[in-house]
Amino acid sequence: MTLNLKNLDLSIELDKKMYKKKLKVLQYEMLNAQQFLLKNKIGLVLVFEGMDAAGKGGAIKRLIERVDPRGYVVHPISAPQPHELRYNYLQRFWRKLPQHGQIAVFDRSWYGRVLVERIEGFATKDEWSRAYEEINNFEKILTAGDYIIIKFWLHVSDEEQLKRFKEREQNPYKSWKLTDEDWRNREKSPLYIEAANEMFEKTDKKNAPWILVAGDDKKYARVQVLQETLAHIEREALKRGLHLTNVLDNAHLEDAESSSLEILNEKKKQKK
């Protein structure tokens, strides 16, 4: 089934008590998964795209909050620097790939070629049109080797985005997050949604799937990102003949709800 933002249910919510319970377990499992990847020398590449103020930063923070800080790096991606324009647009991302056994999180990514560069005219139609195949090949090279790739699109309604913009505007600790460009992009939301849907259609692959996350409720989005990440690592481990075993002492979590396979089991039920 082709992914489309119009089919995303943005009304999903998670109550605070369940959020705290799930977050504790999932963050522990993410730490365990990190150690598993390190032991087996498998690199993990996580891509985060989505609407402005959709909660990408908050989701990334909860994802890596409890893992070994020596084993990951977060790359905030902005416009290329003048010297980077002398190279193919993918060159600067090749340089940021993690070592095998490490994790790299891309807050924005090479998909800017078919999103902001397409919409703002920074890339010609020929350039962004052929980028879909270029990106698929780039990701295929990585996943054919010792890398796992997961791509998240966090989405919010127009009303929720406006609410968050106003909150940022009034909060001195968050005002730096809001720019004039963010306000201008609101007027172009339909164009971004159209570009995103075409991007999903052409680059959602089994080896590097897109996962759409409803972001109106931040708690739900953060838990969903963790669950999907763990579930995909589990699938990729099985493909390699490995098992995502528990390499840590989890005695203190015996009474908590196990969550890494929860989403896998739910998806199997839906397929039936």
Protein backbone atom coordinates (compact mmCIF):
# COMPACT_ATOMS: atom_id res chain seq x y z
CA MET A 1 0.00 0.00 0.00
CA THR A 2 1.39 3.38 -1.03
CA LEU A 3 2.05 5.73 1.86
CA ASN A 4 0.09 8.96 1.84
CA LEU A 5 -0.18 11.68 4.46
CA LYS A 6 -3.91 12.03 3.97
CA ASN A 7 -4.32 8.54 5.44
CA LEU A 8 -2.45 9.39 8.64
CA ASP A 9 -4.65 9.58 11.74
CA LEU A 10 -3.42 12.64 13.63
CA SER A 11 -5.93 12.23 16.45
CA ILE A 12 -4.07 9.34 18.11
CA GLU A 13 -3.08 10.09 21.70
CA LEU A 14 -1.18 8.35 24.49
CA ASP A 15 -1.97 9.11 28.13
CA LYS A 16 0.85 10.35 30.34
CA LYS A 17 0.99 7.30 32.61
CA MET A 18 1.27 4.85 29.73
CA TYR A 19 3.78 7.13 28.02
CA LYS A 20 6.14 7.07 31.01
CA LYS A 21 5.79 3.32 31.35
CA LYS A 22 6.47 2.62 27.69
CA LEU A 23 9.27 5.16 27.45
CA LYS A 24 11.18 3.55 30.32
CA VAL A 25 11.04 0.11 28.71
CA LEU A 26 11.70 1.27 25.17
CA GLN A 27 14.70 3.39 26.10
CA TYR A 28 16.18 0.41 27.90
CA GLU A 29 15.58 -1.76 24.84
CA MET A 30 17.19 0.92 22.66
CA LEU A 31 20.29 0.80 24.85
CA ASN A 32 20.31 -2.96 24.49
CA ALA A 33 19.89 -2.66 20.70
CA GLN A 34 22.80 -0.23 20.56
CA GLN A 35 25.04 -2.76 22.30
CA PHE A 36 23.82 -5.48 19.94
CA LEU A 37 24.68 -3.34 16.90
CA LEU A 38 28.11 -2.58 18.34
CA LYS A 39 28.82 -6.26 19.03
CA ASN A 40 27.81 -7.26 15.50
CA LYS A 41 29.42 -4.26 13.76
CA ILE A 42 26.19 -3.08 12.13
CA GLY A 43 25.72 0.63 11.45
CA LEU A 44 22.32 2.26 12.03
CA VAL A 45 21.23 5.28 10.00
CA LEU A 46 18.09 7.10 11.17
CA VAL A 47 16.59 9.81 8.98
CA PHE A 48 14.11 12.37 10.32
CA GLU A 49 12.06 14.53 8.00
CA GLY A 50 8.72 16.23 8.43
CA MET A 51 6.84 19.46 8.85
CA ASP A 52 8.31 22.31 10.89
CA ALA A 53 7.54 21.93 14.63
CA ALA A 54 6.41 18.32 14.09
CA GLY A 55 8.48 17.14 17.05
CA LYS A 56 11.56 15.73 15.32
CA GLY A 57 13.93 17.13 17.94
CA GLY A 58 11.88 15.78 20.84
CA ALA A 59 11.64 12.34 19.24
CA ILE A 60 15.39 12.25 18.57
CA LYS A 61 16.12 13.32 22.15
CA ARG A 62 14.04 10.46 23.63
CA LEU A 63 15.48 7.98 21.13
CA ILE A 64 19.10 8.51 22.18
CA GLU A 65 18.56 9.80 25.72
CA ARG A 66 19.65 6.59 27.48
CA VAL A 67 22.13 5.08 25.02
CA ASP A 68 25.92 5.22 25.29
CA PRO A 69 26.86 8.73 24.07
CA ARG A 70 30.10 7.37 22.64
CA GLY A 71 28.16 5.31 20.14
CA TYR A 72 26.05 7.83 18.27
CA VAL A 73 26.16 11.19 16.54
CA VAL A 74 23.31 13.54 15.55
CA HIS A 75 23.75 15.51 12.34
CA PRO A 76 21.56 18.65 12.06
CA ILE A 77 21.41 19.25 8.32
CA SER A 78 20.98 22.74 6.90
CA ALA A 79 21.71 24.29 3.51
CA PRO A 80 25.01 23.17 1.97
CA GLN A 81 28.03 25.40 2.46
CA PRO A 82 29.56 27.10 -0.61
CA HIS A 83 32.46 24.62 -0.79
CA GLU A 84 30.00 21.69 -0.65
CA LEU A 85 28.24 22.94 -3.77
CA ARG A 86 31.34 22.00 -5.75
CA TYR A 87 30.48 18.32 -5.22
CA ASN A 88 27.56 16.01 -5.89
CA TYR A 89 24.88 16.70 -3.27
CA LEU A 90 25.28 13.22 -1.75
CA GLN A 91 28.98 13.74 -1.04
CA ARG A 92 28.46 15.54 2.26
CA PHE A 93 26.26 12.71 3.50
CA TRP A 94 28.74 9.99 2.59
CA ARG A 95 31.17 11.80 4.87
CA LYS A 96 28.73 11.68 7.78
CA LEU A 97 27.91 7.97 7.70
CA PRO A 98 28.54 6.14 10.98
CA GLN A 99 31.20 3.53 11.51
CA HIS A 100 29.96 -0.05 11.54
CA GLY A 101 28.51 -0.61 15.00
CA GLN A 102 27.71 3.09 15.47
CA ILE A 103 24.48 5.12 15.09
CA ALA A 104 24.00 8.27 13.02
CA VAL A 105 20.83 10.36 13.28
CA PHE A 106 20.12 12.81 10.47
CA ASP A 107 17.84 15.70 11.46
CA ARG A 108 16.95 16.51 7.83
CA SER A 109 18.84 14.64 5.17
CA TRP A 110 19.60 13.97 1.51
CA TYR A 111 15.85 14.09 0.93
CA GLY A 112 16.15 17.85 0.92
CA ARG A 113 16.90 17.39 -2.78
CA VAL A 114 13.30 16.35 -3.47
CA LEU A 115 11.72 18.56 -0.82
CA VAL A 116 13.05 22.04 -0.06
CA GLU A 117 15.39 22.16 -3.09
CA ARG A 118 12.54 21.15 -5.35
CA ILE A 119 10.03 23.58 -3.89
CA GLU A 120 12.36 26.54 -3.51
CA GLY A 121 13.94 26.07 -6.93
CA PHE A 122 17.44 25.30 -5.63
CA ALA A 123 17.47 22.22 -7.87
CA THR A 124 16.24 22.06 -11.45
CA LYS A 125 13.41 19.72 -12.37
CA ASP A 126 15.88 17.39 -14.06
CA GLU A 127 18.05 17.34 -10.93
CA TRP A 128 15.35 16.55 -8.40
CA SER A 129 13.52 14.18 -10.77
CA ARG A 130 16.54 11.91 -11.15
CA ALA A 131 17.36 12.19 -7.44
CA TYR A 132 14.80 9.51 -6.51
CA GLU A 133 16.79 6.83 -8.33
CA GLU A 134 20.10 8.25 -7.08
CA ILE A 135 18.88 8.13 -3.48
CA ASN A 136 17.50 4.60 -3.85
CA ASN A 137 20.87 3.45 -5.19
CA PHE A 138 22.70 5.25 -2.38
CA GLU A 139 20.58 3.54 0.26
CA LYS A 140 20.76 0.17 -1.51
CA ILE A 141 24.55 0.28 -1.43
CA LEU A 142 24.46 0.88 2.32
CA THR A 143 21.84 -1.72 3.23
CA ALA A 144 23.44 -4.35 0.99
CA GLY A 145 26.39 -4.04 3.33
CA ASP A 146 26.53 -3.56 7.08
CA TYR A 147 23.98 -0.76 7.51
CA ILE A 148 20.35 -0.54 8.60
CA ILE A 149 18.35 2.48 7.40
CA ILE A 150 15.07 3.73 8.84
CA LYS A 151 13.37 6.92 7.62
CA PHE A 152 10.78 8.81 9.67
CA TRP A 153 8.36 11.48 8.55
CA LEU A 154 6.75 13.27 11.50
CA HIS A 155 3.56 15.07 10.59
CA VAL A 156 1.28 17.56 12.35
CA SER A 157 -1.95 19.25 11.43
CA ASP A 158 -1.93 22.86 10.32
CA GLU A 159 -3.74 23.83 13.54
CA GLU A 160 -1.25 22.07 15.80
CA GLN A 161 1.69 23.56 13.93
CA LEU A 162 0.31 27.08 14.37
CA LYS A 163 -0.21 26.42 18.08
CA ARG A 164 3.40 25.32 18.48
CA PHE A 165 4.70 28.27 16.49
CA LYS A 166 2.90 30.67 18.82
CA GLU A 167 4.18 28.82 21.89
CA ARG A 168 7.74 29.10 20.60
CA GLU A 169 7.25 32.75 19.82
CA GLN A 170 6.34 33.47 23.44
CA ASN A 171 8.87 31.17 25.11
CA PRO A 172 12.38 32.72 25.46
CA TYR A 173 13.85 29.22 25.75
CA LYS A 174 12.32 28.11 22.46
CA SER A 175 12.10 31.29 20.40
CA TRP A 176 15.38 30.42 18.66
CA LYS A 177 13.58 27.50 17.02
CA LEU A 178 11.24 29.81 15.13
CA THR A 179 12.41 31.69 12.05
CA ASP A 180 10.86 33.84 9.35
CA GLU A 181 11.42 30.92 6.99
CA ASP A 182 9.20 28.73 9.18
CA TRP A 183 6.34 31.19 8.78
CA ARG A 184 6.87 31.36 5.01
CA ASN A 185 6.89 27.57 4.77
CA ARG A 186 3.41 27.40 6.31
CA GLU A 187 2.05 29.00 3.16
CA LYS A 188 3.74 26.28 1.13
CA SER A 189 2.44 23.34 3.18
CA PRO A 190 0.36 21.91 0.30
CA LEU A 191 3.46 21.88 -1.91
CA TYR A 192 5.51 20.11 0.75
CA ILE A 193 2.77 17.53 1.30
CA GLU A 194 2.55 16.89 -2.43
CA ALA A 195 6.33 16.51 -2.67
CA ALA A 196 6.43 14.25 0.39
CA ASN A 197 3.77 11.90 -0.97
CA GLU A 198 5.67 11.57 -4.26
CA MET A 199 8.84 10.96 -2.26
CA PHE A 200 7.17 8.11 -0.30
CA GLU A 201 5.86 6.58 -3.52
CA LYS A 202 9.29 6.50 -5.14
CA THR A 203 11.65 5.86 -2.21
CA ASP A 204 9.72 3.70 0.28
CA LYS A 205 11.66 0.44 -0.07
CA LYS A 206 11.82 -2.69 2.07
CA ASN A 207 15.53 -2.17 2.64
CA ALA A 208 15.00 1.48 3.67
CA PRO A 209 11.36 2.05 4.62
CA TRP A 210 9.55 5.29 5.29
CA ILE A 211 7.56 5.33 8.52
CA LEU A 212 4.88 7.99 8.87
CA VAL A 213 4.32 9.16 12.45
CA ALA A 214 1.33 11.17 13.65
CA GLY A 215 2.83 14.04 15.62
CA ASP A 216 -0.08 16.03 17.03
CA ASP A 217 0.43 14.16 20.32
CA LYS A 218 4.14 14.37 21.15
CA LYS A 219 4.00 11.49 23.61
CA TYR A 220 2.56 9.12 21.04
CA ALA A 221 5.07 10.21 18.39
CA ARG A 222 8.09 9.65 20.65
CA VAL A 223 6.96 6.18 21.66
CA GLN A 224 6.10 5.28 18.07
CA VAL A 225 9.57 6.27 16.83
CA LEU A 226 11.21 4.07 19.46
CA GLN A 227 8.90 1.13 18.78
CA GLU A 228 9.37 1.30 15.02
CA THR A 229 13.14 1.62 15.36
CA LEU A 230 13.39 -1.44 17.58
CA ALA A 231 11.01 -3.46 15.41
CA HIS A 232 13.01 -2.72 12.26
CA ILE A 233 16.32 -3.57 13.94
CA GLU A 234 14.72 -6.86 15.01
CA ARG A 235 13.63 -7.64 11.44
CA GLU A 236 17.03 -6.78 10.01
CA ALA A 237 18.78 -8.90 12.63
CA LEU A 238 16.64 -11.90 11.67
CA LYS A 239 17.48 -11.37 8.00
CA ARG A 240 21.14 -11.63 8.95
CA GLY A 241 20.54 -14.81 10.92
CA LEU A 242 20.97 -12.96 14.20
CA HIS A 243 18.76 -12.56 17.23
CA LEU A 244 18.36 -9.30 19.11
CA THR A 245 19.24 -10.90 22.41
CA ASN A 246 19.29 -9.09 25.71
CA VAL A 247 22.92 -8.27 26.46
CA LEU A 248 22.11 -6.26 29.58
CA ASP A 249 20.77 -7.16 32.99
CA ASN A 250 17.06 -6.30 32.87
CA ALA A 251 15.98 -7.73 36.21
CA HIS A 252 14.71 -4.32 37.30
CA LEU A 253 12.33 -4.22 34.34
CA GLU A 254 10.74 -7.65 34.71
CA ASP A 255 7.39 -6.22 35.71
CA ALA A 256 7.30 -3.70 32.88
CA GLU A 257 5.60 -4.21 29.56
CA SER A 258 7.86 -5.53 26.80
CA SER A 259 7.52 -3.38 23.71
CA SER A 260 10.12 -4.10 21.03
CA LEU A 261 8.07 -6.88 19.41
CA GLU A 262 4.72 -5.33 20.24
CA ILE A 263 4.49 -3.44 16.97
CA LEU A 264 5.67 -6.44 14.96
CA ASN A 265 2.93 -8.65 16.42
CA GLU A 266 0.32 -5.96 15.82
CA LYS A 267 1.33 -5.62 12.16
CA LYS A 268 1.14 -9.39 11.69
CA LYS A 269 -2.44 -9.32 13.02
CA GLN A 270 -3.35 -6.51 10.62
CA LYS A 271 -1.99 -8.46 7.64
CA LYS A 272 -4.15 -11.45 8.57
